[in-house]
Protein backbone atom coordinates (compact mmCIF):
# COMPACT_ATOMS: atom_id res chain seq x y z
CA GLY A 1 11.91 -18.98 15.96
CA ARG A 2 8.70 -19.74 14.03
CA THR A 3 8.87 -20.01 10.25
CA ILE A 4 6.17 -17.49 8.60
CA THR A 5 4.91 -18.41 4.95
CA VAL A 6 5.08 -14.89 2.94
CA ALA A 7 3.48 -14.40 -0.84
CA ILE A 8 4.77 -11.00 -2.57
CA GLU A 9 2.91 -9.11 -5.02
CA GLY A 10 4.39 -6.74 -7.20
CA CYS A 11 1.61 -4.59 -8.61
CA CYS A 12 -1.53 -5.71 -7.66
CA HIS A 13 -4.11 -3.24 -10.00
CA GLY A 14 -6.92 -4.21 -7.65
CA GLN A 15 -6.58 -7.34 -8.36
CA LEU A 16 -7.28 -8.68 -4.80
CA ASP A 17 -10.30 -11.60 -5.61
CA THR A 18 -7.34 -13.06 -8.47
CA ILE A 19 -4.53 -13.22 -6.21
CA TYR A 20 -5.86 -14.58 -3.10
CA SER A 21 -7.88 -17.30 -5.22
CA THR A 22 -3.99 -17.78 -6.79
CA ILE A 23 -2.49 -17.85 -3.18
CA ILE A 24 -4.92 -20.14 -1.57
CA GLN A 25 -4.89 -22.95 -4.44
CA ARG A 26 -0.94 -23.11 -4.80
CA ASN A 27 0.27 -22.85 -1.08
CA PRO A 28 -2.76 -22.22 1.06
CA ASN A 29 0.17 -22.14 4.23
CA VAL A 30 1.13 -18.57 3.38
CA GLU A 31 -0.29 -16.53 6.05
CA LEU A 32 1.02 -12.93 4.92
CA LEU A 33 1.20 -11.09 1.75
CA LEU A 34 3.29 -8.27 0.65
CA VAL A 35 2.08 -6.32 -1.90
CA CYS A 36 4.89 -3.95 -3.20
CA GLY A 37 2.68 -1.35 -5.10
CA ASP A 38 -0.68 -0.08 -7.35
CA PHE A 39 -2.27 -1.89 -4.46
CA GLN A 40 -5.51 0.30 -5.95
CA CYS A 41 -7.67 0.86 -3.02
CA VAL A 42 -10.42 2.45 -5.12
CA VAL A 43 -13.86 2.15 -3.26
CA ASP A 44 -16.21 4.54 -5.52
CA GLU A 45 -16.16 6.90 -8.63
CA GLU A 46 -14.80 9.74 -6.50
CA ASP A 47 -11.54 7.75 -5.73
CA LEU A 48 -11.14 6.64 -9.34
CA SER A 49 -11.09 10.46 -10.11
CA CYS A 50 -7.69 10.79 -7.64
CA VAL A 51 -6.27 7.72 -9.34
CA ALA A 52 -3.31 9.04 -12.19
CA MET A 53 -3.90 6.36 -14.84
CA PRO A 54 -5.36 7.00 -18.47
CA GLN A 55 -9.37 7.17 -18.31
CA LYS A 56 -9.72 3.35 -20.46
CA TYR A 57 -7.97 1.79 -17.35
CA ARG A 58 -9.74 3.31 -14.69
CA LYS A 59 -12.62 0.88 -13.37
CA LEU A 60 -14.06 -0.11 -9.66
CA THR A 61 -12.71 -3.81 -8.96
CA THR A 62 -13.69 -5.94 -5.90
CA PHE A 63 -11.66 -3.84 -2.94
CA HIS A 64 -15.03 -2.06 -1.80
CA GLU A 65 -16.31 -5.47 -1.24
CA TYR A 66 -13.21 -5.87 1.18
CA VAL A 67 -14.15 -2.37 2.87
CA SER A 68 -17.73 -3.10 3.38
CA GLY A 69 -17.30 -6.38 5.34
CA ILE A 70 -18.89 -8.36 2.18
CA LYS A 71 -15.35 -10.26 1.60
CA VAL A 72 -12.81 -10.36 3.78
CA ALA A 73 -8.74 -11.05 2.91
CA PRO A 74 -7.88 -14.61 3.81
CA VAL A 75 -4.32 -13.35 5.03
CA MET A 76 -3.05 -10.76 6.52
CA THR A 77 -2.20 -7.76 3.68
CA VAL A 78 0.22 -5.57 4.18
CA PHE A 79 0.98 -2.91 0.77
CA ILE A 80 2.68 -0.04 0.03
CA GLY A 81 1.78 2.92 -2.53
CA GLY A 82 2.73 3.30 -6.45
CA ASN A 83 2.30 5.11 -9.01
CA HIS A 84 -1.76 4.05 -9.68
CA GLU A 85 -3.49 4.76 -6.56
CA ALA A 86 -6.17 6.35 -5.28
CA SER A 87 -4.46 9.01 -3.69
CA ASN A 88 -7.14 10.58 -1.81
CA ILE A 89 -7.26 7.20 0.33
CA LEU A 90 -3.57 6.78 0.91
CA GLN A 91 -2.61 10.31 1.86
CA SER A 92 -5.89 10.59 4.68
CA LEU A 93 -3.90 7.41 5.93
CA TYR A 94 0.29 8.99 5.73
CA TYR A 95 1.53 7.42 8.80
CA GLY A 96 -0.27 3.83 7.70
CA GLY A 97 -3.34 2.19 8.93
CA PHE A 98 -6.10 -0.45 8.46
CA VAL A 99 -8.05 0.01 4.81
CA ALA A 100 -9.94 -2.61 5.49
CA PRO A 101 -10.28 -6.04 7.60
CA ASN A 102 -7.03 -7.66 7.60
CA ILE A 103 -5.17 -5.33 5.07
CA TYR A 104 -2.97 -2.59 5.56
CA PHE A 105 -1.72 0.01 4.25
CA LEU A 106 2.12 0.68 5.24
CA GLY A 107 1.70 4.66 4.76
CA PHE A 108 4.04 7.04 3.25
CA ALA A 109 6.73 5.31 4.97
CA GLY A 110 6.44 2.85 7.79
CA VAL A 111 7.28 -0.46 9.63
CA VAL A 112 5.06 -2.86 11.45
CA ASN A 113 5.73 -6.21 13.07
CA TYR A 114 4.07 -9.76 11.68
CA LYS A 115 4.53 -12.61 14.56
CA GLY A 116 8.12 -11.01 15.10
CA LEU A 117 9.04 -10.06 11.12
CA ARG A 118 9.97 -6.47 11.40
CA ILE A 119 8.44 -4.98 7.39
CA GLY A 120 9.35 -1.89 6.55
CA GLY A 121 8.64 0.13 3.03
CA VAL A 122 8.17 3.42 1.68
CA SER A 123 5.67 3.97 -1.19
CA GLY A 124 5.51 5.96 -4.29
CA ILE A 125 8.03 6.55 -6.65
CA PHE A 126 11.03 8.68 -7.40
CA HIS A 127 10.76 11.84 -9.03
CA GLY A 128 14.29 14.07 -8.56
CA SER A 129 12.21 17.62 -9.03
CA HIS A 130 9.95 16.38 -6.01
CA TYR A 131 12.41 14.76 -3.47
CA ARG A 132 13.38 17.62 -1.30
CA HIS A 133 10.33 18.99 -0.96
CA GLY A 134 6.99 18.39 1.38
CA HIS A 135 4.25 17.61 0.37
CA HIS A 136 1.40 20.39 -0.69
CA GLU A 137 -0.80 17.97 -2.37
CA LYS A 138 -4.83 18.15 -0.99
CA PRO A 139 -8.03 16.72 -2.92
CA PRO A 140 -9.27 17.84 -5.31
CA TYR A 141 -6.18 16.74 -7.19
CA SER A 142 -4.98 19.28 -10.43
CA GLU A 143 -3.34 16.67 -13.21
CA SER A 144 -0.23 17.39 -11.90
CA THR A 145 -0.95 17.11 -8.02
CA MET A 146 -2.65 13.58 -8.87
CA ARG A 147 1.25 12.52 -10.29
CA SER A 148 3.46 14.47 -7.45
CA VAL A 149 1.40 13.30 -4.37
CA TYR A 150 2.74 9.84 -4.81
CA HIS A 151 6.72 10.96 -5.63
CA LEU A 152 9.03 9.55 -2.81
CA ARG A 153 10.32 12.33 -0.43
CA GLU A 154 13.30 12.68 0.85
CA LEU A 155 11.88 12.81 4.52
CA GLU A 156 10.19 9.30 4.14
CA VAL A 157 13.33 7.95 3.33
CA PHE A 158 15.19 10.12 6.56
CA ARG A 159 12.22 8.72 8.35
CA LEU A 160 13.34 4.77 7.61
CA ALA A 161 17.00 5.72 7.75
CA HIS A 162 16.86 6.24 11.18
CA LEU A 163 14.91 3.03 13.16
CA MET A 164 16.89 1.55 15.25
CA THR A 165 17.96 -1.57 14.69
CA ARG A 166 17.20 -4.36 17.47
CA ARG A 167 19.75 -5.77 18.81
CA ARG A 168 19.79 -9.53 20.10
CA GLY A 169 17.79 -10.68 23.12
CA GLY A 170 14.92 -8.40 22.14
CA THR A 171 16.24 -4.61 22.92
């Protein structure tokens, strides 16, 4: 098989320009970026009102420029959600999907194949009192549901735990 150069980022906090420029400067051979939470795909002020974080940290970054096409992610980017997200956007993509050209959200629990590399992830953070419940949250969020919406649920873990493993020979 062919080698894929992957960059992995912890919390992104909407700093796509900085992350992409660092990748290009340090290793232009990177072709896939995995972001492990707090992506913050905030497009406008309404989205900011759906992010659970102190008011002083709520600000638009450049993500909206990637959505509008002004900028294009220079490498395929795959991310999971964390606890500082525009939950209205991510909840609308429960099963995953593109949030901008070349930027893909894995969903609340999802798996994708990128050039033969199987990538799986679960979004959110663990909170014991919500783990065994379903998702009931919907916009407009209250202070409580703005947080519980990103709490990991047993259903998401169950879905990933029941994936079939690939056998040798591709079947």
